[in-house]
Every structure is written in C-alpha cells, then in structure tokens.
Amino acid sequence: MGCYIVTILKTKTKLIHLVIHYISCKISFHMVTNVISCMYEVLSNPSLHFCIRHHVSNFIRVICAINLKCIFNILRRLWAFSLALDSTTH
C-alpha cells in the first residue's frame, strides 16, 4: 500500500469548500460544475473560474481518502469499537 501526498493550492480552498457543500446537498458532479461556473460569472472570482467535472471528482476522492484514513486510525486504536462493529453484523 503506497503513501500519497496531496497538495492543494491555497487559491483552491474556497472551491473545495463549495464542492463539498454542494455534493453534501446531493447535487451531481455535473451540476456542481455548472453552479460554480454560474457563480464565477456573477462574482467574477478567478479562483472559481476553472472547475470541471474531473476536478470535482478529484476533490471528492481526496476528501473520501482523508475520511477513510481517519476511520482506519480510529479502528486501529480502538479495537473494542472494531469488535462491537463486527458483532452487530453477525
């Protein structure tokens, strides 16, 4: 299992927060790009200008990987939680 380092530019943090909020509202990747593009036209914010579905999916992959790593660390430290979780499925 390899280790990856992800660097997110400081100029893209607002874009990532917008993507997370829109995806959490159950908006599709395609709709998120359209909404962010419309916001760019209204706000004239250059940091939101270049947003395509590929970027949105990459942002979500990074967020999911970070969250899975946090869950992994919790389960690794708390074996009782892991056993409780395992006993509820059987």
PDB file of N, CA and C in Angstrom:
ATOM      1  N   MET A   1       0.850  -1.174   0.000  1.00  0.00           N
ATOM      2  CA  MET A   1       0.000   0.000   0.000  1.00  0.00           C
ATOM      3  C   MET A   1       0.892   1.231   0.000  1.00  0.00           C
ATOM      4  N   GLY A   2       0.738   2.064  -0.985  1.00  0.00           N
ATOM      5  CA  GLY A   2       1.585   3.239  -1.125  1.00  0.00           C
ATOM      6  C   GLY A   2       1.056   4.430  -0.354  1.00  0.00           C
ATOM      7  N   CYS A   3       1.923   5.376  -0.166  1.00  0.00           N
ATOM      8  CA  CYS A   3       1.553   6.601   0.518  1.00  0.00           C
ATOM      9  C   CYS A   3       1.575   7.734  -0.507  1.00  0.00           C
ATOM     10  N   TYR A   4       0.536   8.526  -0.515  1.00  0.00           N
ATOM     11  CA  TYR A   4       0.439   9.618  -1.466  1.00  0.00           C
ATOM     12  C   TYR A   4       0.400  10.946  -0.730  1.00  0.00           C
ATOM     13  N   ILE A   5       1.024  11.934  -1.305  1.00  0.00           N
ATOM     14  CA  ILE A   5       0.983  13.285  -0.761  1.00  0.00           C
ATOM     15  C   ILE A   5       0.157  14.133  -1.720  1.00  0.00           C
ATOM     16  N   VAL A   6      -0.842  14.792  -1.173  1.00  0.00           N
ATOM     17  CA  VAL A   6      -1.725  15.631  -1.976  1.00  0.00           C
ATOM     18  C   VAL A   6      -1.498  17.073  -1.570  1.00  0.00           C
ATOM     19  N   THR A   7      -1.217  17.909  -2.538  1.00  0.00           N
ATOM     20  CA  THR A   7      -1.032  19.330  -2.291  1.00  0.00           C
ATOM     21  C   THR A   7      -2.196  20.088  -2.900  1.00  0.00           C
ATOM     22  N   ILE A   8      -2.859  20.869  -2.068  1.00  0.00           N
ATOM     23  CA  ILE A   8      -3.977  21.675  -2.542  1.00  0.00           C
ATOM     24  C   ILE A   8      -3.552  23.134  -2.467  1.00  0.00           C
ATOM     25  N   LEU A   9      -3.641  23.808  -3.580  1.00  0.00           N
ATOM     26  CA  LEU A   9      -3.251  25.206  -3.618  1.00  0.00           C
ATOM     27  C   LEU A   9      -4.160  26.043  -2.726  1.00  0.00           C
ATOM     28  N   LYS A  10      -3.588  27.026  -2.080  1.00  0.00           N
ATOM     29  CA  LYS A  10      -4.372  27.877  -1.188  1.00  0.00           C
ATOM     30  C   LYS A  10      -5.465  28.621  -1.948  1.00  0.00           C
ATOM     31  N   THR A  11      -5.241  28.881  -3.218  1.00  0.00           N
ATOM     32  CA  THR A  11      -6.255  29.587  -4.010  1.00  0.00           C
ATOM     33  C   THR A  11      -7.460  28.698  -4.298  1.00  0.00           C
ATOM     34  N   LYS A  12      -7.333  27.395  -4.125  1.00  0.00           N
ATOM     35  CA  LYS A  12      -8.421  26.465  -4.431  1.00  0.00           C
ATOM     36  C   LYS A  12      -9.230  26.068  -3.199  1.00  0.00           C
ATOM     37  N   THR A  13      -8.928  26.594  -2.019  1.00  0.00           N
ATOM     38  CA  THR A  13      -9.635  26.158  -0.815  1.00  0.00           C
ATOM     39  C   THR A  13     -11.114  26.537  -0.856  1.00  0.00           C
ATOM     40  N   LYS A  14     -11.445  27.716  -1.337  1.00  0.00           N
ATOM     41  CA  LYS A  14     -12.864  28.098  -1.435  1.00  0.00           C
ATOM     42  C   LYS A  14     -13.595  27.196  -2.419  1.00  0.00           C
ATOM     43  N   LEU A  15     -12.918  26.852  -3.493  1.00  0.00           N
ATOM     44  CA  LEU A  15     -13.511  25.960  -4.481  1.00  0.00           C
ATOM     45  C   LEU A  15     -13.785  24.592  -3.865  1.00  0.00           C
ATOM     46  N   ILE A  16     -12.856  24.078  -3.086  1.00  0.00           N
ATOM     47  CA  ILE A  16     -13.043  22.778  -2.443  1.00  0.00           C
ATOM     48  C   ILE A  16     -14.193  22.836  -1.448  1.00  0.00           C
ATOM     49  N   HIS A  17     -14.272  23.904  -0.673  1.00  0.00           N
ATOM     50  CA  HIS A  17     -15.372  24.038   0.281  1.00  0.00           C
ATOM     51  C   HIS A  17     -16.720  24.110  -0.435  1.00  0.00           C
ATOM     52  N   LEU A  18     -16.773  24.815  -1.540  1.00  0.00           N
ATOM     53  CA  LEU A  18     -18.018  24.868  -2.314  1.00  0.00           C
ATOM     54  C   LEU A  18     -18.397  23.492  -2.847  1.00  0.00           C
ATOM     55  N   VAL A  19     -17.416  22.775  -3.380  1.00  0.00           N
ATOM     56  CA  VAL A  19     -17.678  21.434  -3.913  1.00  0.00           C
ATOM     57  C   VAL A  19     -18.203  20.524  -2.804  1.00  0.00           C
ATOM     58  N   ILE A  20     -17.585  20.568  -1.646  1.00  0.00           N
ATOM     59  CA  ILE A  20     -18.023  19.718  -0.530  1.00  0.00           C
ATOM     60  C   ILE A  20     -19.452  20.057  -0.129  1.00  0.00           C
ATOM     61  N   HIS A  21     -19.761  21.335  -0.025  1.00  0.00           N
ATOM     62  CA  HIS A  21     -21.114  21.723   0.380  1.00  0.00           C
ATOM     63  C   HIS A  21     -22.148  21.317  -0.670  1.00  0.00           C
ATOM     64  N   TYR A  22     -21.835  21.511  -1.924  1.00  0.00           N
ATOM     65  CA  TYR A  22     -22.802  21.158  -2.963  1.00  0.00           C
ATOM     66  C   TYR A  22     -22.987  19.649  -3.070  1.00  0.00           C
ATOM     67  N   ILE A  23     -21.913  18.891  -2.978  1.00  0.00           N
ATOM     68  CA  ILE A  23     -22.030  17.436  -3.035  1.00  0.00           C
ATOM     69  C   ILE A  23     -22.799  16.917  -1.828  1.00  0.00           C
ATOM     70  N   SER A  24     -22.598  17.540  -0.660  1.00  0.00           N
ATOM     71  CA  SER A  24     -23.340  17.101   0.526  1.00  0.00           C
ATOM     72  C   SER A  24     -24.832  17.397   0.403  1.00  0.00           C
ATOM     73  N   CYS A  25     -25.192  18.313  -0.479  1.00  0.00           N
ATOM     74  CA  CYS A  25     -26.612  18.607  -0.751  1.00  0.00           C
ATOM     75  C   CYS A  25     -27.161  17.697  -1.842  1.00  0.00           C
ATOM     76  N   LYS A  26     -26.404  16.673  -2.203  1.00  0.00           N
ATOM     77  CA  LYS A  26     -26.800  15.657  -3.191  1.00  0.00           C
ATOM     78  C   LYS A  26     -26.953  16.220  -4.600  1.00  0.00           C
ATOM     79  N   ILE A  27     -26.063  17.133  -4.949  1.00  0.00           N
ATOM     80  CA  ILE A  27     -26.027  17.661  -6.307  1.00  0.00           C
ATOM     81  C   ILE A  27     -24.989  16.846  -7.086  1.00  0.00           C
ATOM     82  N   SER A  28     -25.277  16.511  -8.328  1.00  0.00           N
ATOM     83  CA  SER A  28     -24.360  15.708  -9.131  1.00  0.00           C
ATOM     84  C   SER A  28     -23.091  16.498  -9.466  1.00  0.00           C
ATOM     85  N   PHE A  29     -22.054  15.769  -9.860  1.00  0.00           N
ATOM     86  CA  PHE A  29     -20.781  16.404 -10.210  1.00  0.00           C
ATOM     87  C   PHE A  29     -20.977  17.407 -11.343  1.00  0.00           C
ATOM     88  N   HIS A  30     -21.767  17.024 -12.326  1.00  0.00           N
ATOM     89  CA  HIS A  30     -22.010  17.903 -13.475  1.00  0.00           C
ATOM     90  C   HIS A  30     -22.728  19.184 -13.044  1.00  0.00           C
ATOM     91  N   MET A  31     -23.717  19.040 -12.171  1.00  0.00           N
ATOM     92  CA  MET A  31     -24.443  20.212 -11.683  1.00  0.00           C
ATOM     93  C   MET A  31     -23.543  21.107 -10.828  1.00  0.00           C
ATOM     94  N   VAL A  32     -22.645  20.503 -10.060  1.00  0.00           N
ATOM     95  CA  VAL A  32     -21.721  21.297  -9.241  1.00  0.00           C
ATOM     96  C   VAL A  32     -20.856  22.177 -10.127  1.00  0.00           C
ATOM     97  N   THR A  33     -20.336  21.614 -11.211  1.00  0.00           N
ATOM     98  CA  THR A  33     -19.510  22.420 -12.112  1.00  0.00           C
ATOM     99  C   THR A  33     -20.324  23.550 -12.735  1.00  0.00           C
ATOM    100  N   ASN A  34     -21.577  23.269 -13.082  1.00  0.00           N
ATOM    101  CA  ASN A  34     -22.429  24.319 -13.652  1.00  0.00           C
ATOM    102  C   ASN A  34     -22.718  25.419 -12.644  1.00  0.00           C
ATOM    103  N   VAL A  35     -23.019  25.043 -11.409  1.00  0.00           N
ATOM    104  CA  VAL A  35     -23.328  26.038 -10.380  1.00  0.00           C
ATOM    105  C   VAL A  35     -22.102  26.896 -10.087  1.00  0.00           C
ATOM    106  N   ILE A  36     -20.944  26.268  -9.983  1.00  0.00           N
ATOM    107  CA  ILE A  36     -19.721  27.028  -9.706  1.00  0.00           C
ATOM    108  C   ILE A  36     -19.376  27.945 -10.871  1.00  0.00           C
ATOM    109  N   SER A  37     -19.606  27.486 -12.090  1.00  0.00           N
ATOM    110  CA  SER A  37     -19.374  28.343 -13.263  1.00  0.00           C
ATOM    111  C   SER A  37     -20.311  29.541 -13.254  1.00  0.00           C
ATOM    112  N   CYS A  38     -21.557  29.317 -12.881  1.00  0.00           N
ATOM    113  CA  CYS A  38     -22.507  30.430 -12.782  1.00  0.00           C
ATOM    114  C   CYS A  38     -22.090  31.405 -11.685  1.00  0.00           C
ATOM    115  N   MET A  39     -21.598  30.867 -10.581  1.00  0.00           N
ATOM    116  CA  MET A  39     -21.123  31.741  -9.504  1.00  0.00           C
ATOM    117  C   MET A  39     -19.949  32.580  -9.980  1.00  0.00           C
ATOM    118  N   TYR A  40     -19.084  31.982 -10.783  1.00  0.00           N
ATOM    119  CA  TYR A  40     -17.946  32.735 -11.313  1.00  0.00           C
ATOM    120  C   TYR A  40     -18.414  33.915 -12.158  1.00  0.00           C
ATOM    121  N   GLU A  41     -19.414  33.655 -12.993  1.00  0.00           N
ATOM    122  CA  GLU A  41     -19.920  34.731 -13.850  1.00  0.00           C
ATOM    123  C   GLU A  41     -20.513  35.873 -13.028  1.00  0.00           C
ATOM    124  N   VAL A  42     -21.187  35.529 -11.944  1.00  0.00           N
ATOM    125  CA  VAL A  42     -21.819  36.559 -11.121  1.00  0.00           C
ATOM    126  C   VAL A  42     -20.790  37.278 -10.258  1.00  0.00           C
ATOM    127  N   LEU A  43     -19.895  36.517  -9.628  1.00  0.00           N
ATOM    128  CA  LEU A  43     -18.946  37.095  -8.671  1.00  0.00           C
ATOM    129  C   LEU A  43     -17.636  37.562  -9.289  1.00  0.00           C
ATOM    130  N   SER A  44     -17.338  37.114 -10.492  1.00  0.00           N
ATOM    131  CA  SER A  44     -16.058  37.414 -11.158  1.00  0.00           C
ATOM    132  C   SER A  44     -14.873  37.045 -10.275  1.00  0.00           C
ATOM    133  N   ASN A  45     -14.939  35.855  -9.700  1.00  0.00           N
ATOM    134  CA  ASN A  45     -13.878  35.360  -8.830  1.00  0.00           C
ATOM    135  C   ASN A  45     -12.982  34.422  -9.631  1.00  0.00           C
ATOM    136  N   PRO A  46     -11.725  34.800  -9.883  1.00  0.00           N
ATOM    137  CA  PRO A  46     -10.857  33.975 -10.720  1.00  0.00           C
ATOM    138  C   PRO A  46     -10.518  32.618 -10.123  1.00  0.00           C
ATOM    139  N   SER A  47     -10.612  32.455  -8.811  1.00  0.00           N
ATOM    140  CA  SER A  47     -10.273  31.161  -8.211  1.00  0.00           C
ATOM    141  C   SER A  47     -11.346  30.114  -8.490  1.00  0.00           C
ATOM    142  N   LEU A  48     -12.538  30.528  -8.892  1.00  0.00           N
ATOM    143  CA  LEU A  48     -13.618  29.596  -9.199  1.00  0.00           C
ATOM    144  C   LEU A  48     -13.766  29.363 -10.700  1.00  0.00           C
ATOM    145  N   HIS A  49     -12.945  30.014 -11.487  1.00  0.00           N
ATOM    146  CA  HIS A  49     -13.142  30.011 -12.931  1.00  0.00           C
ATOM    147  C   HIS A  49     -12.957  28.637 -13.556  1.00  0.00           C
ATOM    148  N   PHE A  50     -11.897  27.957 -13.221  1.00  0.00           N
ATOM    149  CA  PHE A  50     -11.571  26.711 -13.910  1.00  0.00           C
ATOM    150  C   PHE A  50     -12.011  25.529 -13.060  1.00  0.00           C
ATOM    151  N   CYS A  51     -13.250  25.105 -13.239  1.00  0.00           N
ATOM    152  CA  CYS A  51     -13.792  23.975 -12.489  1.00  0.00           C
ATOM    153  C   CYS A  51     -14.494  23.052 -13.472  1.00  0.00           C
ATOM    154  N   ILE A  52     -13.977  21.843 -13.615  1.00  0.00           N
ATOM    155  CA  ILE A  52     -14.579  20.850 -14.490  1.00  0.00           C
ATOM    156  C   ILE A  52     -14.921  19.613 -13.664  1.00  0.00           C
ATOM    157  N   ARG A  53     -15.690  18.702 -14.237  1.00  0.00           N
ATOM    158  CA  ARG A  53     -16.108  17.504 -13.503  1.00  0.00           C
ATOM    159  C   ARG A  53     -14.923  16.702 -12.991  1.00  0.00           C
ATOM    160  N   HIS A  54     -13.840  16.696 -13.749  1.00  0.00           N
ATOM    161  CA  HIS A  54     -12.637  15.962 -13.335  1.00  0.00           C
ATOM    162  C   HIS A  54     -12.085  16.538 -12.025  1.00  0.00           C
ATOM    163  N   HIS A  55     -12.051  17.859 -11.902  1.00  0.00           N
ATOM    164  CA  HIS A  55     -11.574  18.480 -10.664  1.00  0.00           C
ATOM    165  C   HIS A  55     -12.500  18.157  -9.500  1.00  0.00           C
ATOM    166  N   VAL A  56     -13.800  18.219  -9.749  1.00  0.00           N
ATOM    167  CA  VAL A  56     -14.772  17.928  -8.693  1.00  0.00           C
ATOM    168  C   VAL A  56     -14.593  16.494  -8.206  1.00  0.00           C
ATOM    169  N   SER A  57     -14.465  15.554  -9.119  1.00  0.00           N
ATOM    170  CA  SER A  57     -14.298  14.156  -8.709  1.00  0.00           C
ATOM    171  C   SER A  57     -12.978  13.947  -7.982  1.00  0.00           C
ATOM    172  N   ASN A  58     -11.918  14.649  -8.385  1.00  0.00           N
ATOM    173  CA  ASN A  58     -10.646  14.533  -7.671  1.00  0.00           C
ATOM    174  C   ASN A  58     -10.741  15.103  -6.258  1.00  0.00           C
ATOM    175  N   PHE A  59     -11.433  16.226  -6.099  1.00  0.00           N
ATOM    176  CA  PHE A  59     -11.619  16.799  -4.763  1.00  0.00           C
ATOM    177  C   PHE A  59     -12.361  15.817  -3.866  1.00  0.00           C
ATOM    178  N   ILE A  60     -13.403  15.192  -4.396  1.00  0.00           N
ATOM    179  CA  ILE A  60     -14.198  14.248  -3.602  1.00  0.00           C
ATOM    180  C   ILE A  60     -13.377  13.007  -3.271  1.00  0.00           C
ATOM    181  N   ARG A  61     -12.555  12.542  -4.203  1.00  0.00           N
ATOM    182  CA  ARG A  61     -11.671  11.395  -3.913  1.00  0.00           C
ATOM    183  C   ARG A  61     -10.718  11.709  -2.766  1.00  0.00           C
ATOM    184  N   VAL A  62     -10.164  12.907  -2.776  1.00  0.00           N
ATOM    185  CA  VAL A  62      -9.236  13.312  -1.710  1.00  0.00           C
ATOM    186  C   VAL A  62      -9.964  13.357  -0.374  1.00  0.00           C
ATOM    187  N   ILE A  63     -11.144  13.949  -0.341  1.00  0.00           N
ATOM    188  CA  ILE A  63     -11.913  14.048   0.896  1.00  0.00           C
ATOM    189  C   ILE A  63     -12.291  12.658   1.405  1.00  0.00           C
ATOM    190  N   CYS A  64     -12.726  11.771   0.522  1.00  0.00           N
ATOM    191  CA  CYS A  64     -13.071  10.402   0.927  1.00  0.00           C
ATOM    192  C   CYS A  64     -11.852   9.666   1.461  1.00  0.00           C
ATOM    193  N   ALA A  65     -10.710   9.835   0.812  1.00  0.00           N
ATOM    194  CA  ALA A  65      -9.485   9.175   1.275  1.00  0.00           C
ATOM    195  C   ALA A  65      -9.075   9.678   2.656  1.00  0.00           C
ATOM    196  N   ILE A  66      -9.194  10.964   2.887  1.00  0.00           N
ATOM    197  CA  ILE A  66      -8.851  11.522   4.199  1.00  0.00           C
ATOM    198  C   ILE A  66      -9.789  10.967   5.267  1.00  0.00           C
ATOM    199  N   ASN A  67     -11.083  10.916   4.966  1.00  0.00           N
ATOM    200  CA  ASN A  67     -12.047  10.400   5.933  1.00  0.00           C
ATOM    201  C   ASN A  67     -11.854   8.911   6.195  1.00  0.00           C
ATOM    202  N   LEU A  68     -11.559   8.137   5.164  1.00  0.00           N
ATOM    203  CA  LEU A  68     -11.296   6.713   5.364  1.00  0.00           C
ATOM    204  C   LEU A  68     -10.044   6.488   6.200  1.00  0.00           C
ATOM    205  N   LYS A  69      -9.043   7.319   6.003  1.00  0.00           N
ATOM    206  CA  LYS A  69      -7.826   7.228   6.810  1.00  0.00           C
ATOM    207  C   LYS A  69      -8.131   7.533   8.275  1.00  0.00           C
ATOM    208  N   CYS A  70      -8.992   8.528   8.524  1.00  0.00           N
ATOM    209  CA  CYS A  70      -9.380   8.846   9.908  1.00  0.00           C
ATOM    210  C   CYS A  70     -10.123   7.682  10.538  1.00  0.00           C
ATOM    211  N   ILE A  71     -11.044   7.063   9.796  1.00  0.00           N
ATOM    212  CA  ILE A  71     -11.771   5.905  10.315  1.00  0.00           C
ATOM    213  C   ILE A  71     -10.814   4.753  10.579  1.00  0.00           C
ATOM    214  N   PHE A  72      -9.866   4.531   9.676  1.00  0.00           N
ATOM    215  CA  PHE A  72      -8.872   3.489   9.858  1.00  0.00           C
ATOM    216  C   PHE A  72      -8.065   3.712  11.135  1.00  0.00           C
ATOM    217  N   ASN A  73      -7.645   4.953  11.371  1.00  0.00           N
ATOM    218  CA  ASN A  73      -6.879   5.250  12.576  1.00  0.00           C
ATOM    219  C   ASN A  73      -7.705   5.033  13.841  1.00  0.00           C
ATOM    220  N   ILE A  74      -8.977   5.386  13.805  1.00  0.00           N
ATOM    221  CA  ILE A  74      -9.844   5.166  14.961  1.00  0.00           C
ATOM    222  C   ILE A  74     -10.004   3.674  15.236  1.00  0.00           C
ATOM    223  N   LEU A  75     -10.278   2.905  14.197  1.00  0.00           N
ATOM    224  CA  LEU A  75     -10.460   1.464  14.376  1.00  0.00           C
ATOM    225  C   LEU A  75      -9.171   0.765  14.795  1.00  0.00           C
ATOM    226  N   ARG A  76      -8.049   1.273  14.355  1.00  0.00           N
ATOM    227  CA  ARG A  76      -6.767   0.664  14.717  1.00  0.00           C
ATOM    228  C   ARG A  76      -6.454   0.892  16.195  1.00  0.00           C
ATOM    229  N   ARG A  77      -6.814   2.079  16.712  1.00  0.00           N
ATOM    230  CA  ARG A  77      -6.532   2.385  18.109  1.00  0.00           C
ATOM    231  C   ARG A  77      -7.559   1.775  19.053  1.00  0.00           C
ATOM    232  N   LEU A  78      -8.791   1.703  18.626  1.00  0.00           N
ATOM    233  CA  LEU A  78      -9.863   1.247  19.500  1.00  0.00           C
ATOM    234  C   LEU A  78     -10.381  -0.112  19.028  1.00  0.00           C
ATOM    235  N   TRP A  79      -9.711  -1.167  19.422  1.00  0.00           N
ATOM    236  CA  TRP A  79     -10.105  -2.491  18.960  1.00  0.00           C
ATOM    237  C   TRP A  79     -11.473  -2.889  19.498  1.00  0.00           C
ATOM    238  N   ALA A  80     -11.886  -2.378  20.675  1.00  0.00           N
ATOM    239  CA  ALA A  80     -13.209  -2.697  21.222  1.00  0.00           C
ATOM    240  C   ALA A  80     -14.306  -2.170  20.299  1.00  0.00           C
ATOM    241  N   PHE A  81     -14.093  -1.008  19.722  1.00  0.00           N
ATOM    242  CA  PHE A  81     -15.055  -0.457  18.774  1.00  0.00           C
ATOM    243  C   PHE A  81     -15.149  -1.353  17.549  1.00  0.00           C
ATOM    244  N   SER A  82     -14.026  -1.852  17.123  1.00  0.00           N
ATOM    245  CA  SER A  82     -13.995  -2.741  15.977  1.00  0.00           C
ATOM    246  C   SER A  82     -14.759  -4.031  16.271  1.00  0.00           C
ATOM    247  N   LEU A  83     -14.581  -4.592  17.471  1.00  0.00           N
ATOM    248  CA  LEU A  83     -15.303  -5.796  17.839  1.00  0.00           C
ATOM    249  C   LEU A  83     -16.804  -5.535  17.939  1.00  0.00           C
ATOM    250  N   ALA A  84     -17.176  -4.406  18.490  1.00  0.00           N
ATOM    251  CA  ALA A  84     -18.584  -4.065  18.599  1.00  0.00           C
ATOM    252  C   ALA A  84     -19.202  -3.904  17.213  1.00  0.00           C
ATOM    253  N   LEU A  85     -18.461  -3.293  16.326  1.00  0.00           N
ATOM    254  CA  LEU A  85     -18.950  -3.124  14.976  1.00  0.00           C
ATOM    255  C   LEU A  85     -19.094  -4.483  14.294  1.00  0.00           C
ATOM    256  N   ASP A  86     -18.147  -5.387  14.534  1.00  0.00           N
ATOM    257  CA  ASP A  86     -18.168  -6.700  13.923  1.00  0.00           C
ATOM    258  C   ASP A  86     -19.316  -7.545  14.490  1.00  0.00           C
ATOM    259  N   SER A  87     -19.594  -7.415  15.764  1.00  0.00           N
ATOM    260  CA  SER A  87     -20.653  -8.231  16.379  1.00  0.00           C
ATOM    261  C   SER A  87     -22.038  -7.789  15.922  1.00  0.00           C
ATOM    262  N   THR A  88     -22.187  -6.555  15.522  1.00  0.00           N
ATOM    263  CA  THR A  88     -23.511  -6.104  15.090  1.00  0.00           C
ATOM    264  C   THR A  88     -23.868  -6.618  13.707  1.00  0.00           C
ATOM    265  N   THR A  89     -22.879  -7.023  12.942  1.00  0.00           N
ATOM    266  CA  THR A  89     -23.183  -7.517  11.591  1.00  0.00           C
ATOM    267  C   THR A  89     -23.508  -9.001  11.567  1.00  0.00           C
ATOM    268  N   HIS A  90     -23.234  -9.720  12.662  1.00  0.00           N
ATOM    269  CA  HIS A  90     -23.475 -11.186  12.665  1.00  0.00           C
ATOM    270  C   HIS A  90     -24.667 -11.526  13.484  1.00  0.00           C
TER     271      HIS A  90
END
